[in-house]
Amino acid sequence: MQQSTVVNVVVADDDADIRDLVELKLSQSGYAVRSCSNGVDALAEIRRDPPALAVLDVMMPGLSGIDVLREIRADDALGGVRVVLLTARSRDTDVDMGFSTGADDYLIKPFSPRELVHRIAGLIARPR
C-alpha cells in the first residue's frame, strides 16, 4: 500500500479575507497550509520548515512578496520551494519583475480560486 504524501504550502497575504479564501481552497484540495499575514513571518516560516510551494502577495508590510522571493532564490537550502505570486499588480513590468526574480507563476487579483488550485497542482506535479 502506497502512502500519500501531504504537500505543505505557505500562504502569505496581508488581506485576511484573501488569505482565508486561499487557505480554505487549498486545504479542501488536500494541501497542508500554513498562513502568514506579512512577508517577515512568511520568510521565517519558509526557512523554519521549507514547504513545497509558497503563495505570496506582492504588496505586504515588512517584506514584500518580491523581497521574500529574492531571499528564497538566494538560499540554496530553499531551492526546491516553488513560488506563486498573487497580486493586484497587473502591469507587464510587474509581471516581468515577478518572473525575472524567480517566480514559478504569477496570478493577478481578482483571481479564480479554482484556477489557483489548478496552477498549484500543475507546479507540484512538475519535477523541479
N, C-alpha and C. Protein backbone atom coordinates (compact mmCIF):
# COMPACT_ATOMS: atom_id res chain seq x y z
N MET A 1 0.84 -1.18 0.00
CA MET A 1 0.00 0.00 0.00
C MET A 1 0.89 1.24 0.00
N GLN A 2 0.58 2.16 -0.88
CA GLN A 2 1.37 3.37 -1.00
C GLN A 2 0.81 4.47 -0.12
N GLN A 3 1.70 5.15 0.60
CA GLN A 3 1.25 6.25 1.45
C GLN A 3 1.25 7.54 0.65
N SER A 4 0.21 8.33 0.83
CA SER A 4 0.18 9.61 0.14
C SER A 4 1.00 10.61 0.94
N THR A 5 1.66 11.48 0.24
CA THR A 5 2.48 12.50 0.86
C THR A 5 1.69 13.79 0.94
N VAL A 6 1.68 14.38 2.11
CA VAL A 6 1.00 15.67 2.27
C VAL A 6 1.92 16.75 1.73
N VAL A 7 1.37 17.62 0.91
CA VAL A 7 2.14 18.71 0.33
C VAL A 7 1.93 19.96 1.17
N ASN A 8 3.04 20.50 1.68
CA ASN A 8 2.99 21.70 2.51
C ASN A 8 3.06 22.96 1.67
N VAL A 9 2.20 23.92 2.00
CA VAL A 9 2.14 25.19 1.30
C VAL A 9 2.10 26.31 2.33
N VAL A 10 2.90 27.36 2.10
CA VAL A 10 2.84 28.57 2.92
C VAL A 10 2.10 29.64 2.11
N VAL A 11 1.10 30.27 2.73
CA VAL A 11 0.33 31.33 2.09
C VAL A 11 0.59 32.61 2.88
N ALA A 12 0.99 33.67 2.18
CA ALA A 12 1.23 34.95 2.85
C ALA A 12 0.49 36.06 2.11
N ASP A 13 -0.44 36.69 2.82
CA ASP A 13 -1.19 37.82 2.28
C ASP A 13 -1.65 38.67 3.45
N ASP A 14 -1.50 39.98 3.35
CA ASP A 14 -1.92 40.84 4.47
C ASP A 14 -3.42 41.08 4.47
N ASP A 15 -4.13 40.66 3.43
CA ASP A 15 -5.59 40.75 3.38
C ASP A 15 -6.17 39.45 3.95
N ALA A 16 -6.76 39.53 5.14
CA ALA A 16 -7.24 38.34 5.83
C ALA A 16 -8.28 37.57 5.01
N ASP A 17 -9.15 38.28 4.30
CA ASP A 17 -10.17 37.59 3.50
C ASP A 17 -9.55 36.76 2.39
N ILE A 18 -8.58 37.33 1.70
CA ILE A 18 -7.91 36.58 0.62
C ILE A 18 -7.10 35.43 1.21
N ARG A 19 -6.39 35.69 2.28
CA ARG A 19 -5.59 34.65 2.94
C ARG A 19 -6.48 33.49 3.36
N ASP A 20 -7.62 33.80 3.97
CA ASP A 20 -8.54 32.74 4.42
C ASP A 20 -9.13 31.97 3.25
N LEU A 21 -9.46 32.67 2.15
CA LEU A 21 -10.01 32.02 0.97
C LEU A 21 -8.99 31.05 0.36
N VAL A 22 -7.76 31.51 0.20
CA VAL A 22 -6.71 30.66 -0.37
C VAL A 22 -6.46 29.46 0.54
N GLU A 23 -6.38 29.72 1.84
CA GLU A 23 -6.15 28.62 2.80
C GLU A 23 -7.28 27.60 2.73
N LEU A 24 -8.53 28.06 2.68
CA LEU A 24 -9.68 27.17 2.60
C LEU A 24 -9.63 26.31 1.34
N LYS A 25 -9.44 26.95 0.19
CA LYS A 25 -9.45 26.21 -1.08
C LYS A 25 -8.31 25.19 -1.15
N LEU A 26 -7.14 25.58 -0.68
CA LEU A 26 -6.00 24.65 -0.72
C LEU A 26 -6.19 23.51 0.29
N SER A 27 -6.71 23.83 1.46
CA SER A 27 -6.99 22.78 2.46
C SER A 27 -8.01 21.79 1.94
N GLN A 28 -9.06 22.31 1.28
CA GLN A 28 -10.08 21.44 0.71
C GLN A 28 -9.50 20.53 -0.38
N SER A 29 -8.42 20.99 -1.01
CA SER A 29 -7.78 20.21 -2.07
C SER A 29 -6.71 19.27 -1.52
N GLY A 30 -6.57 19.21 -0.20
CA GLY A 30 -5.66 18.25 0.41
C GLY A 30 -4.28 18.76 0.78
N TYR A 31 -4.04 20.05 0.62
CA TYR A 31 -2.75 20.61 0.98
C TYR A 31 -2.72 20.96 2.46
N ALA A 32 -1.54 20.86 3.07
CA ALA A 32 -1.34 21.30 4.45
C ALA A 32 -0.87 22.75 4.37
N VAL A 33 -1.71 23.67 4.84
CA VAL A 33 -1.46 25.10 4.64
C VAL A 33 -1.06 25.76 5.95
N ARG A 34 0.00 26.57 5.87
CA ARG A 34 0.41 27.44 6.97
C ARG A 34 0.31 28.86 6.43
N SER A 35 -0.38 29.72 7.14
CA SER A 35 -0.57 31.07 6.61
C SER A 35 0.05 32.13 7.49
N CYS A 36 0.43 33.23 6.82
CA CYS A 36 1.08 34.36 7.48
C CYS A 36 0.47 35.65 6.93
N SER A 37 0.55 36.71 7.73
CA SER A 37 -0.05 37.97 7.31
C SER A 37 0.95 38.99 6.80
N ASN A 38 2.24 38.61 6.78
CA ASN A 38 3.26 39.54 6.27
C ASN A 38 4.48 38.77 5.77
N GLY A 39 5.33 39.48 5.05
CA GLY A 39 6.49 38.85 4.44
C GLY A 39 7.55 38.39 5.43
N VAL A 40 7.72 39.12 6.52
CA VAL A 40 8.72 38.74 7.53
C VAL A 40 8.37 37.38 8.13
N ASP A 41 7.11 37.22 8.54
CA ASP A 41 6.66 35.94 9.10
C ASP A 41 6.71 34.82 8.06
N ALA A 42 6.37 35.16 6.81
CA ALA A 42 6.39 34.15 5.75
C ALA A 42 7.80 33.62 5.53
N LEU A 43 8.77 34.52 5.45
CA LEU A 43 10.15 34.09 5.24
C LEU A 43 10.64 33.23 6.41
N ALA A 44 10.31 33.63 7.63
CA ALA A 44 10.70 32.85 8.80
C ALA A 44 10.07 31.46 8.75
N GLU A 45 8.81 31.38 8.37
CA GLU A 45 8.10 30.10 8.29
C GLU A 45 8.69 29.21 7.19
N ILE A 46 9.01 29.82 6.06
CA ILE A 46 9.59 29.07 4.94
C ILE A 46 10.97 28.54 5.32
N ARG A 47 11.75 29.34 6.02
CA ARG A 47 13.09 28.89 6.45
C ARG A 47 12.99 27.83 7.54
N ARG A 48 12.01 27.96 8.44
CA ARG A 48 11.86 27.01 9.55
C ARG A 48 11.54 25.61 9.04
N ASP A 49 10.64 25.52 8.08
CA ASP A 49 10.21 24.22 7.55
C ASP A 49 9.83 24.44 6.08
N PRO A 50 10.81 24.31 5.18
CA PRO A 50 10.55 24.64 3.78
C PRO A 50 9.37 23.88 3.18
N PRO A 51 8.41 24.60 2.62
CA PRO A 51 7.25 23.98 2.00
C PRO A 51 7.58 23.58 0.56
N ALA A 52 6.67 22.84 -0.06
CA ALA A 52 6.82 22.54 -1.48
C ALA A 52 6.57 23.79 -2.30
N LEU A 53 5.68 24.67 -1.77
CA LEU A 53 5.26 25.84 -2.53
C LEU A 53 4.86 26.96 -1.59
N ALA A 54 5.09 28.20 -2.04
CA ALA A 54 4.64 29.38 -1.29
C ALA A 54 3.80 30.25 -2.22
N VAL A 55 2.68 30.72 -1.69
CA VAL A 55 1.82 31.67 -2.40
C VAL A 55 2.03 33.00 -1.69
N LEU A 56 2.60 33.97 -2.41
CA LEU A 56 2.98 35.24 -1.80
C LEU A 56 2.28 36.41 -2.45
N ASP A 57 1.65 37.25 -1.62
CA ASP A 57 1.14 38.53 -2.09
C ASP A 57 2.36 39.41 -2.36
N VAL A 58 2.31 40.20 -3.41
CA VAL A 58 3.46 41.05 -3.71
C VAL A 58 3.55 42.21 -2.72
N MET A 59 2.42 42.86 -2.42
CA MET A 59 2.44 44.04 -1.55
C MET A 59 2.02 43.66 -0.13
N MET A 60 3.04 43.48 0.72
CA MET A 60 2.81 43.15 2.14
C MET A 60 3.71 44.02 3.00
N PRO A 61 3.30 44.24 4.25
CA PRO A 61 4.16 45.02 5.16
C PRO A 61 5.42 44.23 5.54
N GLY A 62 6.45 44.96 5.89
CA GLY A 62 7.71 44.32 6.32
C GLY A 62 8.55 43.96 5.11
N LEU A 63 8.30 42.81 4.56
CA LEU A 63 8.95 42.37 3.33
C LEU A 63 7.85 42.14 2.29
N SER A 64 8.08 42.60 1.08
CA SER A 64 7.12 42.33 0.01
C SER A 64 7.28 40.89 -0.46
N GLY A 65 6.33 40.41 -1.24
CA GLY A 65 6.45 39.08 -1.82
C GLY A 65 7.68 38.97 -2.70
N ILE A 66 8.03 40.06 -3.40
CA ILE A 66 9.24 40.07 -4.23
C ILE A 66 10.48 39.94 -3.34
N ASP A 67 10.50 40.64 -2.20
CA ASP A 67 11.63 40.53 -1.26
C ASP A 67 11.77 39.10 -0.75
N VAL A 68 10.64 38.49 -0.37
CA VAL A 68 10.66 37.11 0.12
C VAL A 68 11.16 36.17 -0.98
N LEU A 69 10.66 36.38 -2.19
CA LEU A 69 11.08 35.57 -3.33
C LEU A 69 12.59 35.69 -3.55
N ARG A 70 13.13 36.89 -3.49
CA ARG A 70 14.59 37.09 -3.64
C ARG A 70 15.36 36.30 -2.59
N GLU A 71 14.89 36.36 -1.34
CA GLU A 71 15.54 35.62 -0.25
C GLU A 71 15.48 34.11 -0.48
N ILE A 72 14.34 33.63 -0.95
CA ILE A 72 14.19 32.20 -1.22
C ILE A 72 15.17 31.78 -2.32
N ARG A 73 15.22 32.55 -3.40
CA ARG A 73 16.08 32.19 -4.54
C ARG A 73 17.57 32.32 -4.21
N ALA A 74 17.91 33.14 -3.22
CA ALA A 74 19.31 33.31 -2.82
C ALA A 74 19.78 32.24 -1.85
N ASP A 75 18.88 31.41 -1.34
CA ASP A 75 19.19 30.41 -0.32
C ASP A 75 19.13 29.02 -0.93
N ASP A 76 20.30 28.39 -1.09
CA ASP A 76 20.37 27.05 -1.70
C ASP A 76 19.50 26.03 -0.98
N ALA A 77 19.34 26.19 0.33
CA ALA A 77 18.53 25.25 1.10
C ALA A 77 17.05 25.32 0.73
N LEU A 78 16.66 26.40 0.06
CA LEU A 78 15.25 26.59 -0.32
C LEU A 78 15.05 26.40 -1.83
N GLY A 79 16.01 25.79 -2.48
CA GLY A 79 15.96 25.63 -3.92
C GLY A 79 14.75 24.88 -4.45
N GLY A 80 14.17 24.02 -3.63
CA GLY A 80 13.02 23.25 -4.08
C GLY A 80 11.68 23.94 -3.89
N VAL A 81 11.68 25.12 -3.27
CA VAL A 81 10.42 25.81 -2.99
C VAL A 81 9.93 26.53 -4.25
N ARG A 82 8.75 26.15 -4.69
CA ARG A 82 8.13 26.84 -5.82
C ARG A 82 7.37 28.05 -5.28
N VAL A 83 7.27 29.10 -6.09
CA VAL A 83 6.63 30.33 -5.62
C VAL A 83 5.61 30.82 -6.64
N VAL A 84 4.40 31.07 -6.14
CA VAL A 84 3.35 31.71 -6.94
C VAL A 84 3.14 33.09 -6.34
N LEU A 85 3.28 34.12 -7.16
CA LEU A 85 2.97 35.48 -6.71
C LEU A 85 1.50 35.76 -7.01
N LEU A 86 0.82 36.27 -6.00
CA LEU A 86 -0.61 36.57 -6.10
C LEU A 86 -0.75 38.06 -5.81
N THR A 87 -1.19 38.84 -6.81
CA THR A 87 -1.12 40.28 -6.64
C THR A 87 -2.11 41.05 -7.49
N ALA A 88 -2.40 42.25 -7.06
CA ALA A 88 -3.24 43.15 -7.85
C ALA A 88 -2.40 43.88 -8.89
N ARG A 89 -1.10 43.76 -8.81
CA ARG A 89 -0.20 44.46 -9.74
C ARG A 89 -0.20 43.73 -11.08
N SER A 90 -0.85 44.33 -12.07
CA SER A 90 -1.09 43.64 -13.34
C SER A 90 -0.34 44.22 -14.53
N ARG A 91 0.44 45.28 -14.32
CA ARG A 91 1.18 45.84 -15.46
C ARG A 91 2.23 44.85 -15.95
N ASP A 92 2.52 44.90 -17.24
CA ASP A 92 3.51 44.00 -17.81
C ASP A 92 4.84 44.07 -17.07
N THR A 93 5.24 45.28 -16.65
CA THR A 93 6.51 45.42 -15.95
C THR A 93 6.48 44.71 -14.60
N ASP A 94 5.33 44.70 -13.94
CA ASP A 94 5.20 43.99 -12.66
C ASP A 94 5.30 42.48 -12.87
N VAL A 95 4.60 41.99 -13.90
CA VAL A 95 4.64 40.56 -14.22
C VAL A 95 6.07 40.16 -14.59
N ASP A 96 6.72 40.96 -15.43
CA ASP A 96 8.10 40.68 -15.83
C ASP A 96 9.02 40.64 -14.61
N MET A 97 8.84 41.59 -13.69
CA MET A 97 9.66 41.63 -12.47
C MET A 97 9.48 40.35 -11.65
N GLY A 98 8.23 39.91 -11.53
CA GLY A 98 7.96 38.68 -10.78
C GLY A 98 8.67 37.48 -11.37
N PHE A 99 8.54 37.30 -12.67
CA PHE A 99 9.17 36.14 -13.30
C PHE A 99 10.69 36.27 -13.33
N SER A 100 11.21 37.47 -13.57
CA SER A 100 12.66 37.63 -13.63
C SER A 100 13.29 37.46 -12.25
N THR A 101 12.52 37.67 -11.19
CA THR A 101 13.02 37.46 -9.83
C THR A 101 13.00 35.98 -9.45
N GLY A 102 12.25 35.17 -10.22
CA GLY A 102 12.27 33.74 -9.97
C GLY A 102 10.93 33.11 -9.64
N ALA A 103 9.83 33.85 -9.84
CA ALA A 103 8.51 33.26 -9.57
C ALA A 103 8.25 32.12 -10.55
N ASP A 104 7.58 31.09 -10.06
CA ASP A 104 7.17 29.98 -10.92
C ASP A 104 5.85 30.28 -11.62
N ASP A 105 5.04 31.14 -11.00
CA ASP A 105 3.78 31.55 -11.61
C ASP A 105 3.38 32.89 -11.02
N TYR A 106 2.45 33.56 -11.68
CA TYR A 106 2.03 34.91 -11.30
C TYR A 106 0.53 34.98 -11.57
N LEU A 107 -0.25 35.22 -10.55
CA LEU A 107 -1.70 35.27 -10.68
C LEU A 107 -2.20 36.63 -10.22
N ILE A 108 -3.01 37.26 -11.06
CA ILE A 108 -3.48 38.62 -10.79
C ILE A 108 -4.84 38.61 -10.09
N LYS A 109 -4.95 39.44 -9.03
CA LYS A 109 -6.21 39.61 -8.31
C LYS A 109 -7.09 40.57 -9.10
N PRO A 110 -8.40 40.39 -9.11
CA PRO A 110 -9.13 39.25 -8.53
C PRO A 110 -8.84 37.99 -9.33
N PHE A 111 -8.81 36.87 -8.65
CA PHE A 111 -8.43 35.61 -9.26
C PHE A 111 -9.50 34.56 -9.00
N SER A 112 -9.46 33.52 -9.79
CA SER A 112 -10.36 32.39 -9.59
C SER A 112 -9.68 31.41 -8.63
N PRO A 113 -10.29 31.12 -7.48
CA PRO A 113 -9.69 30.15 -6.56
C PRO A 113 -9.47 28.79 -7.24
N ARG A 114 -10.37 28.43 -8.12
CA ARG A 114 -10.24 27.15 -8.83
C ARG A 114 -8.98 27.17 -9.71
N GLU A 115 -8.76 28.29 -10.40
CA GLU A 115 -7.58 28.41 -11.25
C GLU A 115 -6.30 28.35 -10.40
N LEU A 116 -6.31 29.00 -9.25
CA LEU A 116 -5.15 28.94 -8.36
C LEU A 116 -4.84 27.49 -7.97
N VAL A 117 -5.86 26.75 -7.58
CA VAL A 117 -5.67 25.35 -7.18
C VAL A 117 -5.11 24.54 -8.36
N HIS A 118 -5.64 24.75 -9.56
CA HIS A 118 -5.15 24.02 -10.74
C HIS A 118 -3.69 24.38 -11.05
N ARG A 119 -3.36 25.66 -10.95
CA ARG A 119 -1.97 26.07 -11.23
C ARG A 119 -1.01 25.48 -10.21
N ILE A 120 -1.43 25.47 -8.94
CA ILE A 120 -0.57 24.89 -7.91
C ILE A 120 -0.40 23.40 -8.13
N ALA A 121 -1.47 22.71 -8.45
CA ALA A 121 -1.37 21.26 -8.72
C ALA A 121 -0.41 21.00 -9.88
N GLY A 122 -0.48 21.85 -10.92
CA GLY A 122 0.42 21.69 -12.05
C GLY A 122 1.88 21.91 -11.67
N LEU A 123 2.13 22.92 -10.85
CA LEU A 123 3.50 23.19 -10.41
C LEU A 123 4.05 22.06 -9.53
N ILE A 124 3.21 21.56 -8.64
CA ILE A 124 3.64 20.48 -7.73
C ILE A 124 3.94 19.21 -8.52
N ALA A 125 3.16 18.96 -9.57
CA ALA A 125 3.33 17.74 -10.37
C ALA A 125 4.60 17.78 -11.21
N ARG A 126 5.06 18.97 -11.56
CA ARG A 126 6.25 19.11 -12.39
C ARG A 126 7.51 18.84 -11.60
N PRO A 127 8.45 18.09 -12.16
CA PRO A 127 9.72 17.90 -11.46
C PRO A 127 10.48 19.23 -11.38
N ARG A 128 11.20 19.42 -10.30
CA ARG A 128 11.94 20.67 -10.09
C ARG A 128 13.34 20.51 -10.64
